[in-house]
Amino acid sequence: MNYLDSVIKQVEYYKLLGERTFAQVSDEQLCWQYNADSNSIATIVKHLAGNMLSRWTDFLTSDGEKESRDREAEFDNDMVSREAMLQLWETGWKTLLDTLRSLTEADLGKIIYIRNQGHTVLEAINRQLAHYPYHIGQIVYIGKMVAVDWRSLSIPRGQSDDYNREKFGQDKHRAHFTDEILKND
């Protein structure tokens, strides 16, 4: 497995965490805000999609902060429906994943720009690999607060010993931690 394969698996995993959260909340809860200074799940989705479309469209050839991006509007809590939110979600992730799948290891040292600041492709990927999970964590946390009957997205409380016993009962092998999670979805 190379770096890009690993990144793609990580990205797919975080996308899945968001989707498993969406499945546990109502349409109204997607737009719930703790207070005026916080973001709803739908608002975070708008921001993620706006960032992904800006950063990953024409990734190797244009600045990652596109003139067409209205970043401020991404934080307006004005999503009209779950369907519109999910369409935006899918468009952003597709743009990101299609771009990652098009890259080669030889591209990792190339320089790209975000707001005229030079980054290697590797640095730009790492930057977003920190940014997107930060926001997915917010989505999951909000989901846990508002869901009526939250189902764990990882090892449920009280099941760590059983989980570890199962894992240590297997022979050592090379695998990405997301292999089982993504395979079962």
Protein backbone atom coordinates (compact mmCIF):
# COMPACT_ATOMS: atom_id res chain seq x y z
CA MET A 1 0.00 0.00 0.00
CA ASN A 2 1.33 3.42 -0.86
CA TYR A 3 0.63 6.81 0.68
CA LEU A 4 -2.15 7.77 -1.74
CA ASP A 5 -3.98 4.46 -1.24
CA SER A 6 -3.79 5.02 2.52
CA VAL A 7 -5.10 8.58 2.20
CA ILE A 8 -8.02 7.45 0.05
CA LYS A 9 -8.98 4.82 2.64
CA GLN A 10 -8.78 7.45 5.42
CA VAL A 11 -10.94 9.87 3.43
CA GLU A 12 -13.52 7.19 2.67
CA TYR A 13 -13.61 6.30 6.38
CA TYR A 14 -14.32 9.87 7.48
CA LYS A 15 -16.96 10.24 4.77
CA LEU A 16 -18.62 7.10 6.13
CA LEU A 17 -18.59 8.46 9.70
CA GLY A 18 -20.47 11.53 8.50
CA GLU A 19 -22.99 9.42 6.61
CA ARG A 20 -23.57 7.11 9.58
CA THR A 21 -24.24 10.20 11.65
CA PHE A 22 -26.71 11.66 9.13
CA ALA A 23 -28.61 8.36 9.24
CA GLN A 24 -29.17 8.75 12.99
CA VAL A 25 -30.58 12.29 13.03
CA SER A 26 -33.82 13.82 11.80
CA ASP A 27 -34.07 16.43 9.08
CA GLU A 28 -34.69 19.09 11.72
CA GLN A 29 -31.66 17.98 13.73
CA LEU A 30 -29.42 18.48 10.68
CA CYS A 31 -30.00 22.23 11.07
CA TRP A 32 -29.90 22.37 14.89
CA GLN A 33 -27.41 24.84 16.39
CA TYR A 34 -26.35 24.90 20.02
CA ASN A 35 -26.19 28.71 19.83
CA ALA A 36 -25.76 31.48 17.26
CA ASP A 37 -21.97 31.09 17.28
CA SER A 38 -22.02 27.36 16.57
CA ASN A 39 -22.61 25.49 13.34
CA SER A 40 -25.25 22.92 12.49
CA ILE A 41 -24.43 19.63 10.80
CA ALA A 42 -25.84 21.04 7.54
CA THR A 43 -23.68 24.16 7.83
CA ILE A 44 -20.56 22.08 8.41
CA VAL A 45 -21.46 20.03 5.33
CA LYS A 46 -21.76 23.26 3.29
CA HIS A 47 -18.34 24.36 4.51
CA LEU A 48 -16.71 20.99 3.81
CA ALA A 49 -18.18 20.86 0.31
CA GLY A 50 -17.18 24.45 -0.42
CA ASN A 51 -13.65 23.74 0.72
CA MET A 52 -13.42 20.48 -1.22
CA LEU A 53 -14.71 22.03 -4.44
CA SER A 54 -12.32 24.95 -4.10
CA ARG A 55 -9.25 22.94 -3.12
CA TRP A 56 -9.60 19.90 -5.38
CA THR A 57 -11.02 21.32 -8.63
CA ASP A 58 -8.10 21.78 -11.06
CA PHE A 59 -5.91 20.84 -8.12
CA LEU A 60 -2.53 20.81 -9.88
CA THR A 61 -3.16 23.83 -12.08
CA SER A 62 -5.05 26.54 -10.16
CA ASP A 63 -4.98 28.13 -6.73
CA GLY A 64 -6.91 26.11 -4.14
CA GLU A 65 -8.90 29.15 -3.03
CA LYS A 66 -11.09 29.75 -6.08
CA GLU A 67 -12.47 33.20 -6.80
CA SER A 68 -15.92 31.65 -7.21
CA ARG A 69 -15.95 30.36 -3.62
CA ASP A 70 -18.15 32.28 -1.19
CA ARG A 71 -16.67 30.99 2.07
CA GLU A 72 -18.72 33.34 4.24
CA ALA A 73 -21.99 31.98 2.80
CA GLU A 74 -20.88 28.45 3.72
CA PHE A 75 -21.61 29.37 7.35
CA ASP A 76 -25.20 30.48 6.80
CA ASN A 77 -27.57 27.91 8.33
CA ASP A 78 -29.88 27.90 5.32
CA MET A 79 -29.86 24.35 3.97
CA VAL A 80 -33.29 23.68 2.51
CA SER A 81 -33.46 19.87 2.71
CA ARG A 82 -31.62 16.68 3.58
CA GLU A 83 -31.52 15.86 -0.13
CA ALA A 84 -29.84 19.17 -0.99
CA MET A 85 -27.34 18.67 1.82
CA LEU A 86 -26.54 15.12 0.69
CA GLN A 87 -26.14 16.23 -2.92
CA LEU A 88 -23.65 18.89 -1.84
CA TRP A 89 -21.89 16.33 0.39
CA GLU A 90 -21.54 13.84 -2.48
CA THR A 91 -20.32 16.49 -4.92
CA GLY A 92 -17.58 17.64 -2.55
CA TRP A 93 -16.36 14.14 -1.67
CA LYS A 94 -16.49 13.01 -5.32
CA THR A 95 -14.32 15.96 -6.34
CA LEU A 96 -11.83 15.15 -3.59
CA LEU A 97 -11.72 11.39 -4.22
CA ASP A 98 -11.56 11.70 -8.02
CA THR A 99 -8.60 14.05 -7.66
CA LEU A 100 -6.81 11.83 -5.14
CA ARG A 101 -7.32 8.81 -7.42
CA SER A 102 -5.84 10.73 -10.34
CA LEU A 103 -2.61 11.56 -8.50
CA THR A 104 0.57 9.51 -8.63
CA GLU A 105 3.41 9.19 -6.15
CA ALA A 106 5.45 11.35 -8.57
CA ASP A 107 2.95 14.20 -8.01
CA LEU A 108 3.56 14.37 -4.25
CA GLY A 109 6.56 16.71 -4.54
CA LYS A 110 4.91 19.12 -6.98
CA ILE A 111 4.04 22.59 -5.72
CA ILE A 112 0.43 23.79 -5.62
CA TYR A 113 -0.90 27.03 -4.19
CA ILE A 114 -3.60 27.88 -1.67
CA ARG A 115 -4.11 31.65 -1.39
CA ASN A 116 -0.74 32.08 -3.15
CA GLN A 117 1.02 30.02 -0.46
CA GLY A 118 3.06 27.19 -1.94
CA HIS A 119 2.54 23.65 -0.66
CA THR A 120 3.83 20.37 -1.94
CA VAL A 121 1.00 18.10 -2.98
CA LEU A 122 1.89 15.96 0.04
CA GLU A 123 1.57 18.97 2.37
CA ALA A 124 -1.74 20.00 0.77
CA ILE A 125 -3.15 16.50 1.23
CA ASN A 126 -1.99 16.39 4.85
CA ARG A 127 -3.49 19.83 5.47
CA GLN A 128 -6.90 18.65 4.30
CA LEU A 129 -6.52 15.26 6.00
CA ALA A 130 -6.36 17.20 9.27
CA HIS A 131 -9.08 19.72 8.33
CA TYR A 132 -11.81 17.34 7.18
CA PRO A 133 -11.69 14.92 10.16
CA TYR A 134 -11.78 17.97 12.48
CA HIS A 135 -15.16 18.87 10.99
CA ILE A 136 -16.37 15.26 10.79
CA GLY A 137 -15.70 15.08 14.53
CA GLN A 138 -17.94 18.11 14.99
CA ILE A 139 -20.67 16.45 12.93
CA VAL A 140 -20.43 13.27 15.00
CA TYR A 141 -20.45 15.21 18.28
CA ILE A 142 -23.55 17.16 17.29
CA GLY A 143 -25.16 13.91 16.17
CA LYS A 144 -24.47 12.36 19.56
CA MET A 145 -26.05 15.36 21.29
CA VAL A 146 -29.26 15.38 19.26
CA ALA A 147 -29.90 11.74 18.29
CA VAL A 148 -32.64 10.01 20.24
CA ASP A 149 -30.90 6.62 20.38
CA TRP A 150 -27.24 7.04 19.32
CA ARG A 151 -25.47 3.96 17.94
CA SER A 152 -21.71 4.04 18.34
CA LEU A 153 -19.60 4.56 15.22
CA SER A 154 -16.63 2.75 16.75
CA ILE A 155 -16.17 0.30 19.61
CA PRO A 156 -19.26 0.72 21.81
CA ARG A 157 -18.77 1.43 25.51
CA GLY A 158 -18.28 -1.72 27.52
CA GLN A 159 -17.13 -3.75 24.51
CA SER A 160 -13.41 -2.87 24.39
CA ASP A 161 -12.28 -6.13 26.03
CA ASP A 162 -14.32 -8.26 23.61
CA TYR A 163 -13.06 -6.25 20.64
CA ASN A 164 -9.42 -6.56 21.73
CA ARG A 165 -9.82 -10.29 22.45
CA GLU A 166 -11.14 -10.79 18.91
CA LYS A 167 -8.30 -8.79 17.34
CA PHE A 168 -5.55 -10.44 19.38
CA GLY A 169 -7.06 -13.83 18.55
CA GLN A 170 -6.09 -13.28 14.91
CA ASP A 171 -2.66 -13.87 13.40
CA LYS A 172 -0.57 -10.77 12.78
CA HIS A 173 -1.23 -9.43 9.31
CA ARG A 174 -0.83 -6.31 7.23
CA ALA A 175 -4.04 -4.34 6.85
CA HIS A 176 -5.38 -0.82 6.94
CA PHE A 177 -7.57 -0.20 9.99
CA THR A 178 -10.47 0.81 7.73
CA ASP A 179 -10.49 -2.41 5.68
CA GLU A 180 -13.12 -4.16 7.83
CA ILE A 181 -15.21 -1.04 8.34
CA LEU A 182 -15.38 -0.09 4.67
CA LYS A 183 -15.86 -3.72 3.56
CA ASN A 184 -18.89 -4.12 5.85
CA ASP A 185 -20.62 -1.01 4.59
